[in-house]
Amino acid sequence: SDPAEVNAISLKALSALPVPWQNKFFFGSWLKKLLGMRQLEAATKVVELMYERGIEPDAKHINGLIGGFFRSGNPELEDRGEKMAWKMIQRRLEAAYKRRCLARGEPVENVPSIRETEDDGIQLPAHLTRPVPIGTMETYNVLALHYSVKEKWALIHHLNRMRRPAEFKMDTSFFN
């Protein structure tokens, strides 16, 4: 089946489905199909539609999209994927830091947080202003694979150093 047909069928189903059935599983299946067909712009629109419908994508949805960006060979999409991955990792680092503060009995109100938007008069693209899910080990693995393909060894080393404060143990995918 071609991408236009997949989108037409999915959009038709979306309009006919009751709102409670429009959930992460429906959107996730749609996203997975589009990513498998290498339809990255359509997949990006599905993620935007999720946000517009009030359904926050899981890390696995965004990791899939990031992986698609990396496999595209398009430097602009690769850059977009890299920024999204690091934003997810930053959220993971913040969450882990707050957890450590709470465990020590320290207040977490003043813990610095990443800025969701820039207010310097610069219009940021939606993929940079949307809240991203907290990064998972899969986020690290997708980014590490991308860096190994691009032979960016210093960035792999930096990514590996970020595992400990993110409270992730080494897994076989990252190790490989």
Protein backbone atom coordinates (compact mmCIF):
# COMPACT_ATOMS: atom_id res chain seq x y z
CA SER A 1 0.00 0.00 0.00
CA ASP A 2 1.22 3.49 -0.75
CA PRO A 3 1.65 6.26 1.85
CA ALA A 4 -1.27 8.34 0.56
CA GLU A 5 -3.57 5.34 0.94
CA VAL A 6 -2.33 4.64 4.50
CA ASN A 7 -2.92 8.27 5.46
CA ALA A 8 -6.35 8.36 3.82
CA ILE A 9 -7.47 5.20 5.62
CA SER A 10 -6.02 6.38 8.96
CA LEU A 11 -7.63 9.82 8.66
CA LYS A 12 -10.97 8.24 7.75
CA ALA A 13 -10.70 5.95 10.78
CA LEU A 14 -9.74 8.91 12.95
CA SER A 15 -12.86 10.83 11.91
CA ALA A 16 -15.11 7.82 12.55
CA LEU A 17 -13.53 6.60 15.79
CA PRO A 18 -15.10 7.73 19.05
CA VAL A 19 -12.82 10.09 20.94
CA PRO A 20 -12.01 7.55 23.72
CA TRP A 21 -10.64 5.17 21.08
CA GLN A 22 -8.30 7.83 19.72
CA ASN A 23 -5.46 6.86 21.98
CA LYS A 24 -1.71 6.25 21.99
CA PHE A 25 -2.16 2.76 20.56
CA PHE A 26 -4.07 3.98 17.51
CA PHE A 27 -1.60 6.79 16.86
CA GLY A 28 1.36 4.52 17.63
CA SER A 29 0.26 1.97 15.02
CA TRP A 30 -0.23 4.71 12.46
CA LEU A 31 3.17 6.20 13.29
CA LYS A 32 4.90 2.81 13.09
CA LYS A 33 3.42 2.12 9.66
CA LEU A 34 4.49 5.52 8.33
CA LEU A 35 8.01 5.17 9.73
CA GLY A 36 8.29 1.73 8.17
CA MET A 37 7.35 3.29 4.83
CA ARG A 38 9.94 6.07 5.40
CA GLN A 39 7.25 8.74 5.33
CA LEU A 40 8.91 11.04 7.86
CA GLU A 41 6.92 14.20 7.18
CA ALA A 42 3.65 12.29 7.49
CA ALA A 43 4.92 10.66 10.71
CA THR A 44 5.85 14.11 12.06
CA LYS A 45 2.31 15.30 11.30
CA VAL A 46 0.88 12.32 13.18
CA VAL A 47 2.95 13.29 16.25
CA GLU A 48 1.70 16.89 15.90
CA LEU A 49 -1.86 15.57 15.64
CA MET A 50 -1.31 13.63 18.87
CA TYR A 51 -0.31 16.82 20.65
CA GLU A 52 -3.26 18.70 19.17
CA ARG A 53 -5.62 15.97 20.43
CA GLY A 54 -4.13 16.19 23.92
CA ILE A 55 -2.34 12.85 23.67
CA GLU A 56 1.28 13.15 24.72
CA PRO A 57 3.48 10.73 22.78
CA ASP A 58 5.50 8.20 24.74
CA ALA A 59 9.27 8.06 24.53
CA LYS A 60 8.96 5.04 22.21
CA HIS A 61 6.95 7.12 19.71
CA ILE A 62 9.49 9.93 19.68
CA ASN A 63 12.44 7.52 19.69
CA GLY A 64 10.96 5.88 16.58
CA LEU A 65 10.61 9.25 14.88
CA ILE A 66 14.18 10.20 15.86
CA GLY A 67 15.47 6.90 14.48
CA GLY A 68 13.61 7.60 11.24
CA PHE A 69 15.22 11.04 11.05
CA PHE A 70 18.66 9.47 11.54
CA ARG A 71 18.07 6.83 8.86
CA SER A 72 16.86 9.44 6.36
CA GLY A 73 20.34 10.60 5.39
CA ASN A 74 18.96 14.17 5.34
CA PRO A 75 21.28 16.39 7.44
CA GLU A 76 18.43 18.73 8.39
CA LEU A 77 16.29 15.85 9.69
CA GLU A 78 19.28 14.27 11.41
CA ASP A 79 19.91 17.58 13.20
CA ARG A 80 16.24 17.76 14.22
CA GLY A 81 16.42 14.22 15.59
CA GLU A 82 19.60 14.96 17.50
CA LYS A 83 18.08 18.04 19.13
CA MET A 84 14.95 16.12 20.12
CA ALA A 85 17.02 13.26 21.57
CA TRP A 86 19.18 15.60 23.66
CA LYS A 87 16.08 17.42 24.89
CA MET A 88 14.66 14.08 26.05
CA ILE A 89 17.97 13.21 27.73
CA GLN A 90 17.98 16.60 29.45
CA ARG A 91 14.52 15.88 30.85
CA ARG A 92 15.79 12.52 32.12
CA LEU A 93 18.78 14.17 33.79
CA GLU A 94 16.52 16.73 35.47
CA ALA A 95 14.14 14.05 36.75
CA ALA A 96 17.02 11.98 38.15
CA TYR A 97 18.54 15.06 39.81
CA LYS A 98 15.21 15.94 41.43
CA ARG A 99 14.87 12.33 42.66
CA ARG A 100 18.32 12.54 44.26
CA CYS A 101 17.46 15.88 45.88
CA LEU A 102 14.26 14.44 47.35
CA ALA A 103 16.13 11.38 48.65
CA ARG A 104 18.54 13.72 50.47
CA GLY A 105 15.67 15.81 51.82
CA GLU A 106 16.61 18.86 49.76
CA PRO A 107 14.00 21.16 48.21
CA VAL A 108 13.40 20.71 44.48
CA GLU A 109 11.55 23.97 43.78
CA ASN A 110 14.72 25.76 42.69
CA VAL A 111 16.13 22.95 40.58
CA PRO A 112 16.97 24.45 37.19
CA SER A 113 14.93 23.25 34.24
CA ILE A 114 15.41 23.45 30.50
CA ARG A 115 13.47 26.17 28.74
CA GLU A 116 10.66 24.90 26.55
CA THR A 117 10.74 27.98 24.32
CA GLU A 118 13.07 30.82 23.53
CA ASP A 119 11.61 34.29 23.93
CA ASP A 120 14.28 36.20 22.04
CA GLY A 121 11.80 37.02 19.30
CA ILE A 122 12.85 33.93 17.37
CA GLN A 123 10.05 31.69 16.16
CA LEU A 124 11.04 28.13 17.01
CA PRO A 125 9.76 25.12 15.07
CA ALA A 126 7.09 23.04 16.79
CA HIS A 127 9.45 20.09 17.34
CA LEU A 128 11.57 22.31 19.61
CA THR A 129 8.72 23.93 21.51
CA ARG A 130 6.64 20.83 22.20
CA PRO A 131 7.22 19.07 25.49
CA VAL A 132 9.10 15.86 24.88
CA PRO A 133 8.84 12.73 26.99
CA ILE A 134 11.58 11.85 29.42
CA GLY A 135 14.38 10.00 27.65
CA THR A 136 14.77 6.27 28.08
CA MET A 137 17.71 3.95 27.54
CA GLU A 138 16.35 3.52 24.01
CA THR A 139 16.90 7.26 23.46
CA TYR A 140 20.55 6.80 24.43
CA ASN A 141 20.84 3.74 22.19
CA VAL A 142 19.32 5.47 19.14
CA LEU A 143 21.63 8.44 19.59
CA ALA A 144 24.68 6.22 20.19
CA LEU A 145 23.95 4.25 17.02
CA HIS A 146 23.64 7.48 15.04
CA TYR A 147 26.93 8.76 16.44
CA SER A 148 28.70 5.47 15.71
CA VAL A 149 27.49 5.51 12.08
CA LYS A 150 28.74 9.12 11.79
CA GLU A 151 31.96 8.16 13.64
CA LYS A 152 31.46 10.88 16.25
CA TRP A 153 33.40 9.10 18.98
CA ALA A 154 33.69 12.11 21.32
CA LEU A 155 29.90 12.45 21.36
CA ILE A 156 29.48 8.74 22.13
CA HIS A 157 31.90 9.19 25.03
CA HIS A 158 29.93 12.21 26.26
CA LEU A 159 26.66 10.29 25.91
CA ASN A 160 28.16 7.45 27.91
CA ARG A 161 29.18 9.91 30.67
CA MET A 162 25.56 11.13 30.81
CA ARG A 163 24.30 7.62 31.63
CA ARG A 164 25.38 7.70 35.28
CA PRO A 165 23.63 10.97 36.29
CA ALA A 166 20.58 9.75 34.34
CA GLU A 167 20.68 6.61 36.53
CA PHE A 168 20.98 4.16 33.65
CA LYS A 169 23.13 1.07 33.75
CA MET A 170 25.00 0.00 30.64
CA ASP A 171 22.88 -2.24 28.44
CA THR A 172 24.02 -4.51 25.63
CA SER A 173 22.70 -2.27 22.83
CA PHE A 174 24.66 0.72 24.07
CA PHE A 175 27.70 -1.40 24.83
CA ASN A 176 27.71 -2.85 21.30
